C-alpha atoms as a PDB file:
ATOM      1  CA  MET A   1     -27.743   6.627  20.247  1.00  0.00           C
ATOM      2  CA  ILE A   2     -29.725   7.623  17.159  1.00  0.00           C
ATOM      3  CA  GLN A   3     -27.785  10.875  16.913  1.00  0.00           C
ATOM      4  CA  ASN A   4     -24.471   8.973  16.822  1.00  0.00           C
ATOM      5  CA  THR A   5     -25.827   6.752  14.037  1.00  0.00           C
ATOM      6  CA  ARG A   6     -26.727   9.799  11.941  1.00  0.00           C
ATOM      7  CA  LEU A   7     -23.349  11.371  12.593  1.00  0.00           C
ATOM      8  CA  SER A   8     -21.612   8.173  11.546  1.00  0.00           C
ATOM      9  CA  ARG A   9     -23.632   8.055   8.357  1.00  0.00           C
ATOM     10  CA  ARG A  10     -22.818  11.684   7.654  1.00  0.00           C
ATOM     11  CA  GLY A  11     -19.155  11.009   8.333  1.00  0.00           C
ATOM     12  CA  LEU A  12     -19.273   7.991   6.037  1.00  0.00           C
ATOM     13  CA  LEU A  13     -20.936  10.024   3.285  1.00  0.00           C
ATOM     14  CA  ALA A  14     -18.466  12.886   3.722  1.00  0.00           C
ATOM     15  CA  GLY A  15     -15.548  10.451   3.659  1.00  0.00           C
ATOM     16  CA  GLY A  16     -16.927   8.817   0.522  1.00  0.00           C
ATOM     17  CA  GLY A  17     -17.249  12.262  -1.038  1.00  0.00           C
ATOM     18  CA  ALA A  18     -13.634  13.040  -0.148  1.00  0.00           C
ATOM     19  CA  LEU A  19     -12.453   9.799  -1.740  1.00  0.00           C
ATOM     20  CA  SER A  20     -14.524  10.591  -4.837  1.00  0.00           C
ATOM     21  CA  LEU A  21     -12.800  13.975  -5.042  1.00  0.00           C
ATOM     22  CA  LEU A  22      -9.433  12.248  -4.750  1.00  0.00           C
ATOM     23  CA  ALA A  23     -10.286   9.940  -7.629  1.00  0.00           C
ATOM     24  CA  ALA A  24     -11.465  12.905  -9.693  1.00  0.00           C
ATOM     25  CA  CYS A  25      -8.162  14.728  -9.050  1.00  0.00           C
ATOM     26  CA  GLY A  26      -6.335  12.342 -11.363  1.00  0.00           C
ATOM     27  CA  ASN A  27      -4.427  10.396  -8.718  1.00  0.00           C
ATOM     28  CA  PRO A  28      -5.630   6.837  -9.234  1.00  0.00           C
ATOM     29  CA  VAL A  29      -6.354   5.278  -5.844  1.00  0.00           C
ATOM     30  CA  GLY A  30      -5.248   1.662  -5.930  1.00  0.00           C
ATOM     31  CA  ASN A  31      -4.085   1.803  -9.558  1.00  0.00           C
ATOM     32  CA  PHE A  32      -0.383   1.010  -9.947  1.00  0.00           C
ATOM     33  CA  ASN A  33       1.693   1.491 -13.088  1.00  0.00           C
ATOM     34  CA  ALA A  34       5.468   1.279 -12.471  1.00  0.00           C
ATOM     35  CA  GLU A  35       6.506   2.840 -15.798  1.00  0.00           C
ATOM     36  CA  ARG A  36       4.237   5.859 -15.387  1.00  0.00           C
ATOM     37  CA  LEU A  37       5.288   6.272 -11.755  1.00  0.00           C
ATOM     38  CA  ASP A  38       9.011   6.068 -12.593  1.00  0.00           C
ATOM     39  CA  ALA A  39       8.504   8.719 -15.294  1.00  0.00           C
ATOM     40  CA  ARG A  40       6.788  11.015 -12.767  1.00  0.00           C
ATOM     41  CA  VAL A  41       9.581  10.411 -10.242  1.00  0.00           C
ATOM     42  CA  ASP A  42      12.202  11.275 -12.884  1.00  0.00           C
ATOM     43  CA  ALA A  43      10.338  14.499 -13.704  1.00  0.00           C
ATOM     44  CA  THR A  44      10.090  15.410 -10.006  1.00  0.00           C
ATOM     45  CA  ARG A  45      13.805  14.758  -9.421  1.00  0.00           C
ATOM     46  CA  ASP A  46      14.786  16.738 -12.524  1.00  0.00           C
ATOM     47  CA  PHE A  47      12.526  19.666 -11.578  1.00  0.00           C
ATOM     48  CA  LEU A  48      14.081  19.962  -8.125  1.00  0.00           C
ATOM     49  CA  ARG A  49      17.651  19.592  -9.389  1.00  0.00           C
ATOM     50  CA  GLU A  50      17.169  22.198 -12.140  1.00  0.00           C
ATOM     51  CA  ASN A  51      15.149  24.747 -10.162  1.00  0.00           C
ATOM     52  CA  HIS A  52      16.374  24.430  -6.573  1.00  0.00           C
ATOM     53  CA  HIS A  53      20.146  24.280  -6.436  1.00  0.00           C
ATOM     54  CA  GLU A  54      19.978  24.972  -2.697  1.00  0.00           C
ATOM     55  CA  LEU A  55      18.921  21.300  -2.369  1.00  0.00           C
ATOM     56  CA  ASP A  56      22.130  20.004  -4.014  1.00  0.00           C
ATOM     57  CA  THR A  57      23.689  19.144  -0.650  1.00  0.00           C
ATOM     58  CA  LEU A  58      20.623  17.105   0.304  1.00  0.00           C
ATOM     59  CA  PHE A  59      20.791  15.186  -2.971  1.00  0.00           C
ATOM     60  CA  GLU A  60      24.497  14.478  -2.437  1.00  0.00           C
ATOM     61  CA  ASP A  61      24.299  13.459   1.233  1.00  0.00           C
ATOM     62  CA  ALA A  62      20.992  11.561   1.365  1.00  0.00           C
ATOM     63  CA  GLN A  63      21.180   7.820   2.009  1.00  0.00           C
ATOM     64  CA  GLY A  64      17.882   7.407   0.153  1.00  0.00           C
ATOM     65  CA  ILE A  65      15.185   9.644  -1.300  1.00  0.00           C
ATOM     66  CA  LEU A  66      11.441   8.965  -1.401  1.00  0.00           C
ATOM     67  CA  TYR A  67       9.776  10.849  -4.256  1.00  0.00           C
ATOM     68  CA  MET A  68       6.007  11.379  -4.089  1.00  0.00           C
ATOM     69  CA  PRO A  69       5.365  13.206  -7.365  1.00  0.00           C
ATOM     70  CA  LEU A  70       1.597  13.633  -6.953  1.00  0.00           C
ATOM     71  CA  VAL A  71      -0.464  13.571  -3.773  1.00  0.00           C
ATOM     72  CA  SER A  72      -4.154  14.448  -4.010  1.00  0.00           C
ATOM     73  CA  GLU A  73      -5.988  15.701  -0.947  1.00  0.00           C
ATOM     74  CA  ALA A  74      -9.677  16.457  -0.521  1.00  0.00           C
ATOM     75  CA  GLY A  75     -11.945  17.127   2.380  1.00  0.00           C
ATOM     76  CA  PHE A  76     -15.426  18.082   3.425  1.00  0.00           C
ATOM     77  CA  PHE A  77     -15.190  17.907   7.247  1.00  0.00           C
ATOM     78  CA  VAL A  78     -13.713  14.400   6.783  1.00  0.00           C
ATOM     79  CA  GLY A  79     -10.791  14.346   4.406  1.00  0.00           C
ATOM     80  CA  GLY A  80      -8.093  12.192   3.014  1.00  0.00           C
ATOM     81  CA  SER A  81      -5.037  12.191   0.826  1.00  0.00           C
ATOM     82  CA  TYR A  82      -3.386   9.595  -1.356  1.00  0.00           C
ATOM     83  CA  GLY A  83      -0.300   9.381  -3.534  1.00  0.00           C
ATOM     84  CA  GLN A  84       2.209   6.908  -4.904  1.00  0.00           C
ATOM     85  CA  GLY A  85       5.951   7.231  -5.194  1.00  0.00           C
ATOM     86  CA  ALA A  86       9.305   5.489  -5.337  1.00  0.00           C
ATOM     87  CA  LEU A  87      12.195   5.110  -2.951  1.00  0.00           C
ATOM     88  CA  ARG A  88      15.526   5.541  -4.675  1.00  0.00           C
ATOM     89  CA  ILE A  89      18.971   4.695  -3.389  1.00  0.00           C
ATOM     90  CA  ASN A  90      21.859   5.957  -5.550  1.00  0.00           C
ATOM     91  CA  ASP A  91      19.169   7.137  -7.992  1.00  0.00           C
ATOM     92  CA  ALA A  92      17.876   3.587  -8.580  1.00  0.00           C
ATOM     93  CA  THR A  93      14.334   2.627  -7.604  1.00  0.00           C
ATOM     94  CA  VAL A  94      14.388  -0.010  -4.860  1.00  0.00           C
ATOM     95  CA  ASP A  95      10.732   0.070  -3.705  1.00  0.00           C
ATOM     96  CA  TYR A  96       7.395   1.702  -4.441  1.00  0.00           C
ATOM     97  CA  TYR A  97       5.273   3.295  -1.716  1.00  0.00           C
ATOM     98  CA  SER A  98       1.832   4.746  -1.198  1.00  0.00           C
ATOM     99  CA  ALA A  99       1.112   7.652   1.134  1.00  0.00           C
ATOM    100  CA  THR A 100      -2.298   7.951   2.796  1.00  0.00           C
ATOM    101  CA  ARG A 101      -3.829  10.192   5.399  1.00  0.00           C
ATOM    102  CA  VAL A 102      -7.297  10.556   6.881  1.00  0.00           C
ATOM    103  CA  SER A 103      -8.290  13.697   8.729  1.00  0.00           C
ATOM    104  CA  ALA A 104     -11.358  15.165  10.402  1.00  0.00           C
ATOM    105  CA  GLY A 105     -12.185  18.719  11.324  1.00  0.00           C
ATOM    106  CA  LEU A 106     -13.120  22.021   9.765  1.00  0.00           C
ATOM    107  CA  GLN A 107     -11.922  21.546   6.181  1.00  0.00           C
ATOM    108  CA  ILE A 108     -13.346  21.851   2.719  1.00  0.00           C
ATOM    109  CA  GLY A 109     -11.679  21.764  -0.671  1.00  0.00           C
ATOM    110  CA  ALA A 110      -9.082  19.882  -2.643  1.00  0.00           C
ATOM    111  CA  GLN A 111      -5.437  20.266  -3.583  1.00  0.00           C
ATOM    112  CA  GLN A 112      -2.548  18.435  -5.146  1.00  0.00           C
ATOM    113  CA  TYR A 113       1.099  18.696  -4.228  1.00  0.00           C
ATOM    114  CA  ALA A 114       4.385  16.829  -4.456  1.00  0.00           C
ATOM    115  CA  HIS A 115       6.852  15.998  -1.748  1.00  0.00           C
ATOM    116  CA  VAL A 116      10.217  14.374  -1.330  1.00  0.00           C
ATOM    117  CA  LEU A 117      11.685  12.813   1.814  1.00  0.00           C
ATOM    118  CA  PHE A 118      15.464  12.879   2.129  1.00  0.00           C
ATOM    119  CA  PHE A 119      16.718  10.165   4.495  1.00  0.00           C
ATOM    120  CA  MET A 120      19.958  11.638   5.781  1.00  0.00           C
ATOM    121  CA  THR A 121      21.163   8.801   8.015  1.00  0.00           C
ATOM    122  CA  PRO A 122      21.490   5.075   7.392  1.00  0.00           C
ATOM    123  CA  GLN A 123      19.392   4.435  10.522  1.00  0.00           C
ATOM    124  CA  ALA A 124      16.516   6.657   9.327  1.00  0.00           C
ATOM    125  CA  LEU A 125      16.484   4.856   5.976  1.00  0.00           C
ATOM    126  CA  ALA A 126      16.668   1.421   7.643  1.00  0.00           C
ATOM    127  CA  ASP A 127      13.794   2.298  10.016  1.00  0.00           C
ATOM    128  CA  PHE A 128      11.668   3.466   7.092  1.00  0.00           C
ATOM    129  CA  ARG A 129      12.296   0.325   5.042  1.00  0.00           C
ATOM    130  CA  ALA A 130      11.932  -2.123   7.938  1.00  0.00           C
ATOM    131  CA  GLY A 131       8.526  -0.958   9.131  1.00  0.00           C
ATOM    132  CA  GLU A 132       5.218  -2.336   7.887  1.00  0.00           C
ATOM    133  CA  GLY A 133       4.035   1.243   7.680  1.00  0.00           C
ATOM    134  CA  TRP A 134       5.957   4.398   8.532  1.00  0.00           C
ATOM    135  CA  ALA A 135       4.102   7.482   9.743  1.00  0.00           C
ATOM    136  CA  ALA A 136       5.450  10.981   9.264  1.00  0.00           C
ATOM    137  CA  SER A 137       5.639  12.679  12.640  1.00  0.00           C
ATOM    138  CA  ALA A 138       6.168  16.066  14.209  1.00  0.00           C
ATOM    139  CA  ASP A 139       9.963  15.631  14.277  1.00  0.00           C
ATOM    140  CA  LEU A 140      10.114  15.692  10.487  1.00  0.00           C
ATOM    141  CA  ARG A 141      12.018  18.805   9.343  1.00  0.00           C
ATOM    142  CA  TYR A 142      10.681  20.821   6.420  1.00  0.00           C
ATOM    143  CA  ALA A 143      12.505  22.673   3.684  1.00  0.00           C
ATOM    144  CA  THR A 144       9.962  24.513   1.551  1.00  0.00           C
ATOM    145  CA  PRO A 145      10.924  25.781  -1.885  1.00  0.00           C
ATOM    146  CA  SER A 146       9.031  28.809  -3.084  1.00  0.00           C
ATOM    147  CA  GLU A 147       9.088  30.709  -6.329  1.00  0.00           C
ATOM    148  CA  GLY A 148      12.272  32.727  -6.466  1.00  0.00           C
ATOM    149  CA  GLY A 149      13.177  31.908  -2.872  1.00  0.00           C
ATOM    150  CA  ALA A 150      15.472  29.573  -1.032  1.00  0.00           C
ATOM    151  CA  ALA A 151      14.227  26.179   0.067  1.00  0.00           C
ATOM    152  CA  GLY A 152      14.827  26.998   3.693  1.00  0.00           C
ATOM    153  CA  VAL A 153      17.606  24.429   4.083  1.00  0.00           C
ATOM    154  CA  GLN A 154      19.366  25.609   7.210  1.00  0.00           C
ATOM    155  CA  THR A 155      21.936  24.157   9.558  1.00  0.00           C
ATOM    156  CA  THR A 156      19.164  22.829  11.822  1.00  0.00           C
ATOM    157  CA  THR A 157      17.607  20.814   9.013  1.00  0.00           C
ATOM    158  CA  MET A 158      20.924  19.637   7.597  1.00  0.00           C
ATOM    159  CA  PHE A 159      21.492  17.485  10.713  1.00  0.00           C
ATOM    160  CA  SER A 160      17.975  16.015  10.835  1.00  0.00           C
ATOM    161  CA  PRO A 161      17.493  12.311  10.042  1.00  0.00           C
ATOM    162  CA  VAL A 162      14.597  12.976   7.638  1.00  0.00           C
ATOM    163  CA  ILE A 163      13.972  16.187   5.717  1.00  0.00           C
ATOM    164  CA  ALA A 164      10.759  16.800   3.776  1.00  0.00           C
ATOM    165  CA  VAL A 165      10.444  19.131   0.816  1.00  0.00           C
ATOM    166  CA  VAL A 166       6.812  19.946  -0.055  1.00  0.00           C
ATOM    167  CA  PHE A 167       6.226  21.851  -3.289  1.00  0.00           C
ATOM    168  CA  GLY A 168       3.915  22.361  -6.246  1.00  0.00           C
ATOM    169  CA  GLN A 169       0.788  23.007  -4.195  1.00  0.00           C
ATOM    170  CA  ALA A 170      -2.239  23.702  -6.345  1.00  0.00           C
ATOM    171  CA  GLY A 171      -5.819  23.813  -5.187  1.00  0.00           C
ATOM    172  CA  LEU A 172      -8.162  25.262  -2.632  1.00  0.00           C
ATOM    173  CA  ILE A 173      -6.746  23.876   0.632  1.00  0.00           C
ATOM    174  CA  ALA A 174      -3.812  25.901   1.909  1.00  0.00           C
ATOM    175  CA  GLY A 175      -0.767  24.502   3.650  1.00  0.00           C
ATOM    176  CA  ALA A 176       0.158  20.923   2.829  1.00  0.00           C
ATOM    177  CA  SER A 177       1.504  19.092   5.861  1.00  0.00           C
ATOM    178  CA  LEU A 178       2.853  15.569   6.120  1.00  0.00           C
ATOM    179  CA  ALA A 179       1.978  15.054   9.787  1.00  0.00           C
ATOM    180  CA  GLY A 180       0.015  11.830  10.096  1.00  0.00           C
ATOM    181  CA  VAL A 181       0.787  10.594   6.582  1.00  0.00           C
ATOM    182  CA  ARG A 182       1.334   6.831   6.542  1.00  0.00           C
ATOM    183  CA  TYR A 183       3.702   5.321   3.992  1.00  0.00           C
ATOM    184  CA  GLN A 184       3.358   1.685   2.986  1.00  0.00           C
ATOM    185  CA  ARG A 185       5.301  -0.421   0.502  1.00  0.00           C
ATOM    186  CA  ILE A 186       3.451  -1.319  -2.702  1.00  0.00           C
ATOM    187  CA  ILE A 187       3.980  -4.884  -3.804  1.00  0.00           C
ATOM    188  CA  PRO A 188       3.566  -4.832  -7.631  1.00  0.00           C
END
């Protein structure tokens, strides 16, 4: 029993350290500023449109697009990530969301990245908006832009209800994944 108490304390300390790293990464946990967030969303949208023309079809066909312009992730055995973004329908912001994830395992480091979710069907968009919290799952399809390369948008992803584009990774943890990320509406 004593060993479990120490492990819990260690886990708590490691988790607190991960959250401290997140705060230090410049992604303000719990701090909401709609104007600053809308400006970041505009910059994210413009970057993708100007640099990744292979995504044009997704932009045209999507029923709604969730932009997460900055997600910070940190971990030291226990890790977490946090970001804020905006859901846009017909390029107008309709809601703001936060994205959080907690993880445990062999991990150490920190990174930041951006991601965008394209909701390709009315049902996928309605399910996302209706839930109290929507969790990204294994059936999410990825299109990954890389420098000088195609975003990987193929026929198989074009017919998926939700397509994720993860880009702009910078940091010491490799391979950003959205599995287990929970999205919740921010009430300003």
